[in-house]
Structure formats: structure tokens, C-alpha cells
């Protein structure tokens, strides 16, 4: 029985490790300036109700920024992601670009965007994380 538990634990750790590695690789792709990003479509997924569920976005002033966030489904290397980022409305973000890139199911943050630059998880500002 002990061996079965160890085998199951190792399997679960391996799968989590693979998913984590895939997210890290995707984030590094987004840091590549020559990356080809295909905009699939713009769909409003942000609402007043779910505003605080999204990294980076949660720390923006909702009353000034709700209509200033570009919400787009994008495709990169055949995979679909959500990119939510502030446009150039100075009243929302002071003229900078902030945002986040999520997995297609909007459950896993892949990259943070601060002042137009893309950051991977080891370099995320903890205060920019959504509280879950």
C-alpha cells in the first residue's frame, strides 16, 4: 500500500511539474519580441463581479479602468490564451500598459505585464496577485 501511495504521489507531482513547465515556456515565448501573436477575437470577460479574480487587473481602479481594458483571445504557436491589458487611457494606468496573460480557461496566469514589459512567475510582484 505504501508503494502505491508513493507511485500516485510521484505521478501527480510529475503532472503538476509538466503543467508548470508548459506555463513557464509559454511565458518565455511572450517575452520574445519577435513572437507572432494572432488576435483571435475580442470578447468581454471582465465584469464588475469578477474584476478581483485577475492578477494585475485587480489592482487597477475598476471605476476608471473597466472600459479601458483590452480583452482579447490570442493564439500563439497553436495555443489559445487570454490577454487582458490596459490601453493607453491615462486616467486608468497613468499612460503605461499593465495587464496579464491567462490560459484559455482563464484559470492560470501565464505572464504579467508591467509598464509594457512581460514578466514570468519568478519575477511577479506579489502585490499584483489576485487574492483567491
Foldseek 3Di string as FASTA:
>chain_A
DVVVVVVVVVVVVVVVVVVVVVLQVVLVLVQDPPFDKAFDDWDDPDDPVCQLVFFQSNPWDCVQFVVQWTWTWIDGPRAIKIWIKGDQPCSTPVRFIWTFIGHPVNPGTRWTADRRGTDGVVPDDPVRHRDD
